[in-house]
ModelCIF file with pLDDT and N, C-alpha, C, O atoms, coordinates in Angstrom:
data_MODEL
#
_entry.id   MODEL 
#
_entity.id                         1 
_entity.type                       polymer 
_entity.pdbx_number_of_molecules   1 
#
_entity_poly.entity_id                      1 
_entity_poly.type                           'polypeptide(L)' 
_entity_poly.nstd_linkage                   no 
_entity_poly.nstd_monomer                   no 
_entity_poly.pdbx_seq_one_letter_code       AASIGKAILFPQAVEALGRTGHNLSSEVWWSPTHPFTSSLNGMSAGG 
_entity_poly.pdbx_seq_one_letter_code_can   AASIGKAILFPQAVEALGRTGHNLSSEVWWSPTHPFTSSLNGMSAGG 
_entity_poly.pdbx_strand_id                 A 
#
loop_
_entity_poly_seq.entity_id 
_entity_poly_seq.num 
_entity_poly_seq.mon_id 
_entity_poly_seq.hetero 
1 1  ALA n 
1 2  ALA n 
1 3  SER n 
1 4  ILE n 
1 5  GLY n 
1 6  LYS n 
1 7  ALA n 
1 8  ILE n 
1 9  LEU n 
1 10 PHE n 
1 11 PRO n 
1 12 GLN n 
1 13 ALA n 
1 14 VAL n 
1 15 GLU n 
1 16 ALA n 
1 17 LEU n 
1 18 GLY n 
1 19 ARG n 
1 20 THR n 
1 21 GLY n 
1 22 HIS n 
1 23 ASN n 
1 24 LEU n 
1 25 SER n 
1 26 SER n 
1 27 GLU n 
1 28 VAL n 
1 29 TRP n 
1 30 TRP n 
1 31 SER n 
1 32 PRO n 
1 33 THR n 
1 34 HIS n 
1 35 PRO n 
1 36 PHE n 
1 37 THR n 
1 38 SER n 
1 39 SER n 
1 40 LEU n 
1 41 ASN n 
1 42 GLY n 
1 43 MET n 
1 44 SER n 
1 45 ALA n 
1 46 GLY n 
1 47 GLY n 
#
_struct_asym.id          A 
_struct_asym.entity_id   1 
#
loop_
_ma_qa_metric.id 
_ma_qa_metric.mode 
_ma_qa_metric.name 
_ma_qa_metric.software_group_id 
_ma_qa_metric.type 
1 global pLDDT . pLDDT 
2 local  pLDDT . pLDDT 
#
_ma_qa_metric_global.metric_id      1 
_ma_qa_metric_global.metric_value   95.11 
_ma_qa_metric_global.model_id       1 
_ma_qa_metric_global.ordinal_id     1 
#
loop_
_ma_qa_metric_local.label_asym_id 
_ma_qa_metric_local.label_comp_id 
_ma_qa_metric_local.label_seq_id 
_ma_qa_metric_local.metric_id 
_ma_qa_metric_local.metric_value 
_ma_qa_metric_local.model_id 
_ma_qa_metric_local.ordinal_id 
A ALA 1  2 98.00 1 1  
A ALA 2  2 98.00 1 2  
A SER 3  2 98.00 1 3  
A ILE 4  2 97.00 1 4  
A GLY 5  2 93.00 1 5  
A LYS 6  2 90.00 1 6  
A ALA 7  2 90.00 1 7  
A ILE 8  2 92.00 1 8  
A LEU 9  2 91.00 1 9  
A PHE 10 2 90.00 1 10 
A PRO 11 2 91.00 1 11 
A GLN 12 2 89.00 1 12 
A ALA 13 2 89.00 1 13 
A VAL 14 2 93.00 1 14 
A GLU 15 2 92.00 1 15 
A ALA 16 2 90.00 1 16 
A LEU 17 2 92.00 1 17 
A GLY 18 2 91.00 1 18 
A ARG 19 2 91.00 1 19 
A THR 20 2 94.00 1 20 
A GLY 21 2 95.00 1 21 
A HIS 22 2 96.00 1 22 
A ASN 23 2 97.00 1 23 
A LEU 24 2 98.00 1 24 
A SER 25 2 98.00 1 25 
A SER 26 2 97.00 1 26 
A GLU 27 2 96.00 1 27 
A VAL 28 2 97.00 1 28 
A TRP 29 2 96.00 1 29 
A TRP 30 2 98.00 1 30 
A SER 31 2 97.00 1 31 
A PRO 32 2 97.00 1 32 
A THR 33 2 96.00 1 33 
A HIS 34 2 98.00 1 34 
A PRO 35 2 98.00 1 35 
A PHE 36 2 98.00 1 36 
A THR 37 2 98.00 1 37 
A SER 38 2 98.00 1 38 
A SER 39 2 97.00 1 39 
A LEU 40 2 97.00 1 40 
A ASN 41 2 95.00 1 41 
A GLY 42 2 96.00 1 42 
A MET 43 2 97.00 1 43 
A SER 44 2 98.00 1 44 
A ALA 45 2 98.00 1 45 
A GLY 46 2 97.00 1 46 
A GLY 47 2 98.00 1 47 
#
loop_
_atom_site.group_PDB 
_atom_site.id 
_atom_site.type_symbol 
_atom_site.label_atom_id 
_atom_site.label_alt_id 
_atom_site.label_comp_id 
_atom_site.label_asym_id 
_atom_site.label_entity_id 
_atom_site.label_seq_id 
_atom_site.pdbx_PDB_ins_code 
_atom_site.Cartn_x 
_atom_site.Cartn_y 
_atom_site.Cartn_z 
_atom_site.occupancy 
_atom_site.B_iso_or_equiv 
_atom_site.pdbx_formal_charge 
_atom_site.auth_seq_id 
_atom_site.auth_comp_id 
_atom_site.auth_asym_id 
_atom_site.auth_atom_id 
_atom_site.pdbx_PDB_model_num 
ATOM 1   N N  . ALA A 1 1  ? 32.528 -114.540 9.883  1.00 98.00 ? 1  ALA A N  1 
ATOM 2   C CA . ALA A 1 1  ? 32.519 -112.856 9.839  1.00 98.00 ? 1  ALA A CA 1 
ATOM 3   C C  . ALA A 1 1  ? 31.137 -112.442 9.477  1.00 98.00 ? 1  ALA A C  1 
ATOM 4   O O  . ALA A 1 1  ? 30.537 -113.143 8.662  1.00 98.00 ? 1  ALA A O  1 
ATOM 5   N N  . ALA A 1 2  ? 30.581 -111.443 9.955  1.00 98.00 ? 2  ALA A N  1 
ATOM 6   C CA . ALA A 1 2  ? 29.248 -110.745 9.926  1.00 98.00 ? 2  ALA A CA 1 
ATOM 7   C C  . ALA A 1 2  ? 29.311 -109.258 9.709  1.00 98.00 ? 2  ALA A C  1 
ATOM 8   O O  . ALA A 1 2  ? 29.126 -108.598 10.732 1.00 98.00 ? 2  ALA A O  1 
ATOM 9   N N  . SER A 1 3  ? 29.511 -108.650 8.705  1.00 98.00 ? 3  SER A N  1 
ATOM 10  C CA . SER A 1 3  ? 29.781 -106.975 8.512  1.00 98.00 ? 3  SER A CA 1 
ATOM 11  C C  . SER A 1 3  ? 28.393 -106.785 8.185  1.00 98.00 ? 3  SER A C  1 
ATOM 12  O O  . SER A 1 3  ? 27.928 -107.451 7.260  1.00 98.00 ? 3  SER A O  1 
ATOM 13  N N  . ILE A 1 4  ? 27.710 -106.022 8.770  1.00 97.00 ? 4  ILE A N  1 
ATOM 14  C CA . ILE A 1 4  ? 26.403 -105.563 8.634  1.00 97.00 ? 4  ILE A CA 1 
ATOM 15  C C  . ILE A 1 4  ? 26.279 -104.048 8.928  1.00 97.00 ? 4  ILE A C  1 
ATOM 16  O O  . ILE A 1 4  ? 26.741 -103.503 9.931  1.00 97.00 ? 4  ILE A O  1 
ATOM 17  N N  . GLY A 1 5  ? 25.657 -103.485 8.018  1.00 93.00 ? 5  GLY A N  1 
ATOM 18  C CA . GLY A 1 5  ? 25.322 -102.114 7.960  1.00 93.00 ? 5  GLY A CA 1 
ATOM 19  C C  . GLY A 1 5  ? 24.125 -102.077 8.805  1.00 93.00 ? 5  GLY A C  1 
ATOM 20  O O  . GLY A 1 5  ? 23.530 -103.049 9.269  1.00 93.00 ? 5  GLY A O  1 
ATOM 21  N N  . LYS A 1 6  ? 23.798 -100.624 8.971  1.00 90.00 ? 6  LYS A N  1 
ATOM 22  C CA . LYS A 1 6  ? 22.703 -100.322 9.860  1.00 90.00 ? 6  LYS A CA 1 
ATOM 23  C C  . LYS A 1 6  ? 22.389 -100.718 11.330 1.00 90.00 ? 6  LYS A C  1 
ATOM 24  O O  . LYS A 1 6  ? 22.379 -99.954  12.295 1.00 90.00 ? 6  LYS A O  1 
ATOM 25  N N  . ALA A 1 7  ? 22.084 -102.322 11.321 1.00 90.00 ? 7  ALA A N  1 
ATOM 26  C CA . ALA A 1 7  ? 21.682 -102.499 12.392 1.00 90.00 ? 7  ALA A CA 1 
ATOM 27  C C  . ALA A 1 7  ? 22.388 -102.835 13.718 1.00 90.00 ? 7  ALA A C  1 
ATOM 28  O O  . ALA A 1 7  ? 21.888 -102.942 14.838 1.00 90.00 ? 7  ALA A O  1 
ATOM 29  N N  . ILE A 1 8  ? 23.849 -102.997 13.273 1.00 92.00 ? 8  ILE A N  1 
ATOM 30  C CA . ILE A 1 8  ? 24.849 -103.121 14.657 1.00 92.00 ? 8  ILE A CA 1 
ATOM 31  C C  . ILE A 1 8  ? 25.192 -101.806 15.006 1.00 92.00 ? 8  ILE A C  1 
ATOM 32  O O  . ILE A 1 8  ? 25.937 -101.801 15.986 1.00 92.00 ? 8  ILE A O  1 
ATOM 33  N N  . LEU A 1 9  ? 24.900 -100.565 14.524 1.00 91.00 ? 9  LEU A N  1 
ATOM 34  C CA . LEU A 1 9  ? 25.529 -99.595  14.838 1.00 91.00 ? 9  LEU A CA 1 
ATOM 35  C C  . LEU A 1 9  ? 25.599 -98.782  16.174 1.00 91.00 ? 9  LEU A C  1 
ATOM 36  O O  . LEU A 1 9  ? 26.267 -97.788  16.457 1.00 91.00 ? 9  LEU A O  1 
ATOM 37  N N  . PHE A 1 10 ? 24.815 -99.422  16.818 1.00 90.00 ? 10 PHE A N  1 
ATOM 38  C CA . PHE A 1 10 ? 24.521 -98.911  18.558 1.00 90.00 ? 10 PHE A CA 1 
ATOM 39  C C  . PHE A 1 10 ? 24.601 -100.167 19.232 1.00 90.00 ? 10 PHE A C  1 
ATOM 40  O O  . PHE A 1 10 ? 24.054 -101.215 18.889 1.00 90.00 ? 10 PHE A O  1 
ATOM 41  N N  . PRO A 1 11 ? 25.221 -99.998  20.071 1.00 91.00 ? 11 PRO A N  1 
ATOM 42  C CA . PRO A 1 11 ? 25.541 -100.794 21.526 1.00 91.00 ? 11 PRO A CA 1 
ATOM 43  C C  . PRO A 1 11 ? 24.296 -101.438 21.907 1.00 91.00 ? 11 PRO A C  1 
ATOM 44  O O  . PRO A 1 11 ? 24.316 -102.658 22.066 1.00 91.00 ? 11 PRO A O  1 
ATOM 45  N N  . GLN A 1 12 ? 23.305 -100.845 22.061 1.00 89.00 ? 12 GLN A N  1 
ATOM 46  C CA . GLN A 1 12 ? 21.785 -101.295 22.543 1.00 89.00 ? 12 GLN A CA 1 
ATOM 47  C C  . GLN A 1 12 ? 21.674 -102.430 21.675 1.00 89.00 ? 12 GLN A C  1 
ATOM 48  O O  . GLN A 1 12 ? 21.519 -103.468 22.320 1.00 89.00 ? 12 GLN A O  1 
ATOM 49  N N  . ALA A 1 13 ? 21.702 -102.593 20.393 1.00 89.00 ? 13 ALA A N  1 
ATOM 50  C CA . ALA A 1 13 ? 21.443 -103.381 19.481 1.00 89.00 ? 13 ALA A CA 1 
ATOM 51  C C  . ALA A 1 13 ? 22.422 -104.882 19.706 1.00 89.00 ? 13 ALA A C  1 
ATOM 52  O O  . ALA A 1 13 ? 21.999 -106.038 19.696 1.00 89.00 ? 13 ALA A O  1 
ATOM 53  N N  . VAL A 1 14 ? 23.766 -104.431 19.894 1.00 93.00 ? 14 VAL A N  1 
ATOM 54  C CA . VAL A 1 14 ? 24.551 -105.499 19.929 1.00 93.00 ? 14 VAL A CA 1 
ATOM 55  C C  . VAL A 1 14 ? 24.275 -106.247 21.556 1.00 93.00 ? 14 VAL A C  1 
ATOM 56  O O  . VAL A 1 14 ? 24.115 -107.466 21.608 1.00 93.00 ? 14 VAL A O  1 
ATOM 57  N N  . GLU A 1 15 ? 24.247 -105.596 22.542 1.00 92.00 ? 15 GLU A N  1 
ATOM 58  C CA . GLU A 1 15 ? 24.042 -106.093 23.951 1.00 92.00 ? 15 GLU A CA 1 
ATOM 59  C C  . GLU A 1 15 ? 22.799 -106.659 23.798 1.00 92.00 ? 15 GLU A C  1 
ATOM 60  O O  . GLU A 1 15 ? 22.566 -107.559 24.605 1.00 92.00 ? 15 GLU A O  1 
ATOM 61  N N  . ALA A 1 16 ? 21.676 -106.332 22.779 1.00 90.00 ? 16 ALA A N  1 
ATOM 62  C CA . ALA A 1 16 ? 20.099 -107.298 23.050 1.00 90.00 ? 16 ALA A CA 1 
ATOM 63  C C  . ALA A 1 16 ? 20.651 -108.456 22.370 1.00 90.00 ? 16 ALA A C  1 
ATOM 64  O O  . ALA A 1 16 ? 19.811 -109.332 22.573 1.00 90.00 ? 16 ALA A O  1 
ATOM 65  N N  . LEU A 1 17 ? 21.518 -108.914 21.730 1.00 92.00 ? 17 LEU A N  1 
ATOM 66  C CA . LEU A 1 17 ? 22.059 -110.139 21.128 1.00 92.00 ? 17 LEU A CA 1 
ATOM 67  C C  . LEU A 1 17 ? 23.028 -111.036 22.484 1.00 92.00 ? 17 LEU A C  1 
ATOM 68  O O  . LEU A 1 17 ? 23.595 -112.085 22.179 1.00 92.00 ? 17 LEU A O  1 
ATOM 69  N N  . GLY A 1 18 ? 23.092 -110.668 23.471 1.00 91.00 ? 18 GLY A N  1 
ATOM 70  C CA . GLY A 1 18 ? 23.988 -111.336 24.515 1.00 91.00 ? 18 GLY A CA 1 
ATOM 71  C C  . GLY A 1 18 ? 25.505 -111.437 23.992 1.00 91.00 ? 18 GLY A C  1 
ATOM 72  O O  . GLY A 1 18 ? 26.113 -110.633 23.286 1.00 91.00 ? 18 GLY A O  1 
ATOM 73  N N  . ARG A 1 19 ? 25.935 -112.641 24.533 1.00 91.00 ? 19 ARG A N  1 
ATOM 74  C CA . ARG A 1 19 ? 27.066 -113.189 24.147 1.00 91.00 ? 19 ARG A CA 1 
ATOM 75  C C  . ARG A 1 19 ? 27.064 -113.224 22.793 1.00 91.00 ? 19 ARG A C  1 
ATOM 76  O O  . ARG A 1 19 ? 28.239 -113.133 22.438 1.00 91.00 ? 19 ARG A O  1 
ATOM 77  N N  . THR A 1 20 ? 26.254 -113.321 21.735 1.00 94.00 ? 20 THR A N  1 
ATOM 78  C CA . THR A 1 20 ? 26.567 -113.760 20.385 1.00 94.00 ? 20 THR A CA 1 
ATOM 79  C C  . THR A 1 20 ? 26.684 -112.672 19.497 1.00 94.00 ? 20 THR A C  1 
ATOM 80  O O  . THR A 1 20 ? 26.635 -112.854 18.281 1.00 94.00 ? 20 THR A O  1 
ATOM 81  N N  . GLY A 1 21 ? 26.868 -111.297 20.115 1.00 95.00 ? 21 GLY A N  1 
ATOM 82  C CA . GLY A 1 21 ? 27.132 -110.207 19.439 1.00 95.00 ? 21 GLY A CA 1 
ATOM 83  C C  . GLY A 1 21 ? 28.756 -109.957 19.635 1.00 95.00 ? 21 GLY A C  1 
ATOM 84  O O  . GLY A 1 21 ? 29.204 -108.865 19.286 1.00 95.00 ? 21 GLY A O  1 
ATOM 85  N N  . HIS A 1 22 ? 29.528 -110.827 20.116 1.00 96.00 ? 22 HIS A N  1 
ATOM 86  C CA . HIS A 1 22 ? 31.033 -110.600 20.185 1.00 96.00 ? 22 HIS A CA 1 
ATOM 87  C C  . HIS A 1 22 ? 31.744 -110.925 18.901 1.00 96.00 ? 22 HIS A C  1 
ATOM 88  O O  . HIS A 1 22 ? 31.733 -112.066 18.440 1.00 96.00 ? 22 HIS A O  1 
ATOM 89  N N  . ASN A 1 23 ? 32.582 -109.563 18.119 1.00 97.00 ? 23 ASN A N  1 
ATOM 90  C CA . ASN A 1 23 ? 33.067 -109.942 16.805 1.00 97.00 ? 23 ASN A CA 1 
ATOM 91  C C  . ASN A 1 23 ? 32.307 -109.633 15.963 1.00 97.00 ? 23 ASN A C  1 
ATOM 92  O O  . ASN A 1 23 ? 32.881 -109.591 14.875 1.00 97.00 ? 23 ASN A O  1 
ATOM 93  N N  . LEU A 1 24 ? 30.952 -109.311 15.890 1.00 98.00 ? 24 LEU A N  1 
ATOM 94  C CA . LEU A 1 24 ? 30.349 -108.808 14.752 1.00 98.00 ? 24 LEU A CA 1 
ATOM 95  C C  . LEU A 1 24 ? 30.830 -107.235 14.365 1.00 98.00 ? 24 LEU A C  1 
ATOM 96  O O  . LEU A 1 24 ? 30.977 -106.334 15.191 1.00 98.00 ? 24 LEU A O  1 
ATOM 97  N N  . SER A 1 25 ? 31.026 -107.131 13.000 1.00 98.00 ? 25 SER A N  1 
ATOM 98  C CA . SER A 1 25 ? 31.774 -106.030 12.543 1.00 98.00 ? 25 SER A CA 1 
ATOM 99  C C  . SER A 1 25 ? 30.741 -105.196 11.740 1.00 98.00 ? 25 SER A C  1 
ATOM 100 O O  . SER A 1 25 ? 29.681 -105.576 11.242 1.00 98.00 ? 25 SER A O  1 
ATOM 101 N N  . SER A 1 26 ? 31.435 -103.696 11.738 1.00 97.00 ? 26 SER A N  1 
ATOM 102 C CA . SER A 1 26 ? 30.316 -102.885 10.873 1.00 97.00 ? 26 SER A CA 1 
ATOM 103 C C  . SER A 1 26 ? 31.184 -101.548 10.536 1.00 97.00 ? 26 SER A C  1 
ATOM 104 O O  . SER A 1 26 ? 32.219 -101.329 11.166 1.00 97.00 ? 26 SER A O  1 
ATOM 105 N N  . GLU A 1 27 ? 30.743 -100.692 9.555  1.00 96.00 ? 27 GLU A N  1 
ATOM 106 C CA . GLU A 1 27 ? 31.184 -99.611  9.183  1.00 96.00 ? 27 GLU A CA 1 
ATOM 107 C C  . GLU A 1 27 ? 31.305 -98.403  10.520 1.00 96.00 ? 27 GLU A C  1 
ATOM 108 O O  . GLU A 1 27 ? 30.305 -98.309  11.233 1.00 96.00 ? 27 GLU A O  1 
ATOM 109 N N  . VAL A 1 28 ? 32.172 -97.755  10.753 1.00 97.00 ? 28 VAL A N  1 
ATOM 110 C CA . VAL A 1 28 ? 32.009 -96.920  11.551 1.00 97.00 ? 28 VAL A CA 1 
ATOM 111 C C  . VAL A 1 28 ? 32.469 -95.679  10.878 1.00 97.00 ? 28 VAL A C  1 
ATOM 112 O O  . VAL A 1 28 ? 33.545 -95.633  10.281 1.00 97.00 ? 28 VAL A O  1 
ATOM 113 N N  . TRP A 1 29 ? 31.478 -94.456  10.994 1.00 96.00 ? 29 TRP A N  1 
ATOM 114 C CA . TRP A 1 29 ? 31.388 -93.328  10.651 1.00 96.00 ? 29 TRP A CA 1 
ATOM 115 C C  . TRP A 1 29 ? 32.208 -92.490  11.302 1.00 96.00 ? 29 TRP A C  1 
ATOM 116 O O  . TRP A 1 29 ? 33.087 -91.759  10.848 1.00 96.00 ? 29 TRP A O  1 
ATOM 117 N N  . TRP A 1 30 ? 31.743 -92.707  12.719 1.00 98.00 ? 30 TRP A N  1 
ATOM 118 C CA . TRP A 1 30 ? 32.149 -91.605  13.894 1.00 98.00 ? 30 TRP A CA 1 
ATOM 119 C C  . TRP A 1 30 ? 32.604 -92.408  14.922 1.00 98.00 ? 30 TRP A C  1 
ATOM 120 O O  . TRP A 1 30 ? 32.114 -93.507  15.185 1.00 98.00 ? 30 TRP A O  1 
ATOM 121 N N  . SER A 1 31 ? 33.541 -91.886  15.524 1.00 97.00 ? 31 SER A N  1 
ATOM 122 C CA . SER A 1 31 ? 33.762 -92.451  16.856 1.00 97.00 ? 31 SER A CA 1 
ATOM 123 C C  . SER A 1 31 ? 34.470 -91.390  18.111 1.00 97.00 ? 31 SER A C  1 
ATOM 124 O O  . SER A 1 31 ? 34.777 -90.231  17.832 1.00 97.00 ? 31 SER A O  1 
ATOM 125 N N  . PRO A 1 32 ? 34.610 -91.796  19.083 1.00 97.00 ? 32 PRO A N  1 
ATOM 126 C CA . PRO A 1 32 ? 35.370 -90.689  20.160 1.00 97.00 ? 32 PRO A CA 1 
ATOM 127 C C  . PRO A 1 32 ? 36.928 -90.686  19.935 1.00 97.00 ? 32 PRO A C  1 
ATOM 128 O O  . PRO A 1 32 ? 37.602 -89.827  20.504 1.00 97.00 ? 32 PRO A O  1 
ATOM 129 N N  . THR A 1 33 ? 37.546 -91.672  19.079 1.00 96.00 ? 33 THR A N  1 
ATOM 130 C CA . THR A 1 33 ? 39.021 -91.313  18.778 1.00 96.00 ? 33 THR A CA 1 
ATOM 131 C C  . THR A 1 33 ? 39.351 -90.732  17.299 1.00 96.00 ? 33 THR A C  1 
ATOM 132 O O  . THR A 1 33 ? 40.475 -90.524  16.841 1.00 96.00 ? 33 THR A O  1 
ATOM 133 N N  . HIS A 1 34 ? 37.706 -90.453  16.463 1.00 98.00 ? 34 HIS A N  1 
ATOM 134 C CA . HIS A 1 34 ? 38.280 -89.723  15.302 1.00 98.00 ? 34 HIS A CA 1 
ATOM 135 C C  . HIS A 1 34 ? 38.984 -88.222  15.515 1.00 98.00 ? 34 HIS A C  1 
ATOM 136 O O  . HIS A 1 34 ? 38.491 -87.395  16.282 1.00 98.00 ? 34 HIS A O  1 
ATOM 137 N N  . PRO A 1 35 ? 40.122 -87.991  14.790 1.00 98.00 ? 35 PRO A N  1 
ATOM 138 C CA . PRO A 1 35 ? 40.567 -86.856  15.105 1.00 98.00 ? 35 PRO A CA 1 
ATOM 139 C C  . PRO A 1 35 ? 40.191 -85.320  14.758 1.00 98.00 ? 35 PRO A C  1 
ATOM 140 O O  . PRO A 1 35 ? 40.933 -84.385  14.454 1.00 98.00 ? 35 PRO A O  1 
ATOM 141 N N  . PHE A 1 36 ? 39.079 -85.366  14.875 1.00 98.00 ? 36 PHE A N  1 
ATOM 142 C CA . PHE A 1 36 ? 38.186 -83.861  14.437 1.00 98.00 ? 36 PHE A CA 1 
ATOM 143 C C  . PHE A 1 36 ? 37.640 -82.979  15.612 1.00 98.00 ? 36 PHE A C  1 
ATOM 144 O O  . PHE A 1 36 ? 37.374 -83.519  16.686 1.00 98.00 ? 36 PHE A O  1 
ATOM 145 N N  . THR A 1 37 ? 37.496 -81.863  15.459 1.00 98.00 ? 37 THR A N  1 
ATOM 146 C CA . THR A 1 37 ? 36.860 -81.041  16.449 1.00 98.00 ? 37 THR A CA 1 
ATOM 147 C C  . THR A 1 37 ? 35.795 -80.219  15.837 1.00 98.00 ? 37 THR A C  1 
ATOM 148 O O  . THR A 1 37 ? 35.807 -79.894  14.650 1.00 98.00 ? 37 THR A O  1 
ATOM 149 N N  . SER A 1 38 ? 34.605 -79.795  16.925 1.00 98.00 ? 38 SER A N  1 
ATOM 150 C CA . SER A 1 38 ? 33.355 -79.187  16.446 1.00 98.00 ? 38 SER A CA 1 
ATOM 151 C C  . SER A 1 38 ? 34.069 -77.617  16.065 1.00 98.00 ? 38 SER A C  1 
ATOM 152 O O  . SER A 1 38 ? 35.043 -77.113  16.624 1.00 98.00 ? 38 SER A O  1 
ATOM 153 N N  . SER A 1 39 ? 33.381 -77.133  15.116 1.00 97.00 ? 39 SER A N  1 
ATOM 154 C CA . SER A 1 39 ? 33.369 -75.572  14.574 1.00 97.00 ? 39 SER A CA 1 
ATOM 155 C C  . SER A 1 39 ? 32.914 -74.731  15.264 1.00 97.00 ? 39 SER A C  1 
ATOM 156 O O  . SER A 1 39 ? 33.308 -73.571  15.378 1.00 97.00 ? 39 SER A O  1 
ATOM 157 N N  . LEU A 1 40 ? 31.548 -75.535  16.080 1.00 97.00 ? 40 LEU A N  1 
ATOM 158 C CA . LEU A 1 40 ? 30.744 -74.647  17.200 1.00 97.00 ? 40 LEU A CA 1 
ATOM 159 C C  . LEU A 1 40 ? 31.344 -74.103  18.286 1.00 97.00 ? 40 LEU A C  1 
ATOM 160 O O  . LEU A 1 40 ? 31.312 -72.894  18.512 1.00 97.00 ? 40 LEU A O  1 
ATOM 161 N N  . ASN A 1 41 ? 31.961 -74.999  19.069 1.00 95.00 ? 41 ASN A N  1 
ATOM 162 C CA . ASN A 1 41 ? 32.414 -74.916  20.375 1.00 95.00 ? 41 ASN A CA 1 
ATOM 163 C C  . ASN A 1 41 ? 33.573 -75.445  20.775 1.00 95.00 ? 41 ASN A C  1 
ATOM 164 O O  . ASN A 1 41 ? 33.808 -75.586  21.975 1.00 95.00 ? 41 ASN A O  1 
ATOM 165 N N  . GLY A 1 42 ? 34.704 -75.911  19.537 1.00 96.00 ? 42 GLY A N  1 
ATOM 166 C CA . GLY A 1 42 ? 35.555 -76.159  19.814 1.00 96.00 ? 42 GLY A CA 1 
ATOM 167 C C  . GLY A 1 42 ? 36.035 -77.816  20.489 1.00 96.00 ? 42 GLY A C  1 
ATOM 168 O O  . GLY A 1 42 ? 37.190 -78.206  20.654 1.00 96.00 ? 42 GLY A O  1 
ATOM 169 N N  . MET A 1 43 ? 34.958 -78.460  20.743 1.00 97.00 ? 43 MET A N  1 
ATOM 170 C CA . MET A 1 43 ? 35.014 -79.621  21.490 1.00 97.00 ? 43 MET A CA 1 
ATOM 171 C C  . MET A 1 43 ? 35.350 -80.838  20.737 1.00 97.00 ? 43 MET A C  1 
ATOM 172 O O  . MET A 1 43 ? 34.737 -81.073  19.696 1.00 97.00 ? 43 MET A O  1 
ATOM 173 N N  . SER A 1 44 ? 36.270 -81.637  21.164 1.00 98.00 ? 44 SER A N  1 
ATOM 174 C CA . SER A 1 44 ? 36.859 -82.788  20.311 1.00 98.00 ? 44 SER A CA 1 
ATOM 175 C C  . SER A 1 44 ? 35.636 -83.832  20.108 1.00 98.00 ? 44 SER A C  1 
ATOM 176 O O  . SER A 1 44 ? 34.522 -83.683  20.611 1.00 98.00 ? 44 SER A O  1 
ATOM 177 N N  . ALA A 1 45 ? 36.028 -84.897  19.299 1.00 98.00 ? 45 ALA A N  1 
ATOM 178 C CA . ALA A 1 45 ? 35.063 -86.076  19.209 1.00 98.00 ? 45 ALA A CA 1 
ATOM 179 C C  . ALA A 1 45 ? 34.798 -86.640  20.611 1.00 98.00 ? 45 ALA A C  1 
ATOM 180 O O  . ALA A 1 45 ? 33.689 -86.746  21.136 1.00 98.00 ? 45 ALA A O  1 
ATOM 181 N N  . GLY A 1 46 ? 35.934 -86.972  21.118 1.00 97.00 ? 46 GLY A N  1 
ATOM 182 C CA . GLY A 1 46 ? 35.962 -87.640  22.458 1.00 97.00 ? 46 GLY A CA 1 
ATOM 183 C C  . GLY A 1 46 ? 34.963 -86.764  23.420 1.00 97.00 ? 46 GLY A C  1 
ATOM 184 O O  . GLY A 1 46 ? 34.059 -87.296  24.065 1.00 97.00 ? 46 GLY A O  1 
ATOM 185 N N  . GLY A 1 47 ? 35.236 -85.345  23.440 1.00 98.00 ? 47 GLY A N  1 
ATOM 186 C CA . GLY A 1 47 ? 34.392 -84.742  24.209 1.00 98.00 ? 47 GLY A CA 1 
ATOM 187 C C  . GLY A 1 47 ? 32.958 -84.468  24.262 1.00 98.00 ? 47 GLY A C  1 
ATOM 188 O O  . GLY A 1 47 ? 32.486 -83.826  25.201 1.00 98.00 ? 47 GLY A O  1 
#
């Protein structure tokens, strides 16, 4: 296992590793599946 903060938060950084990025792990602060909406426009995380 390799659980790395900061460096592999971004898809471009993982894609730069080619196939060796598979199953690298990291913290997830926010994603499209987070069940929250914007107070500004009502948009969901997924939206």
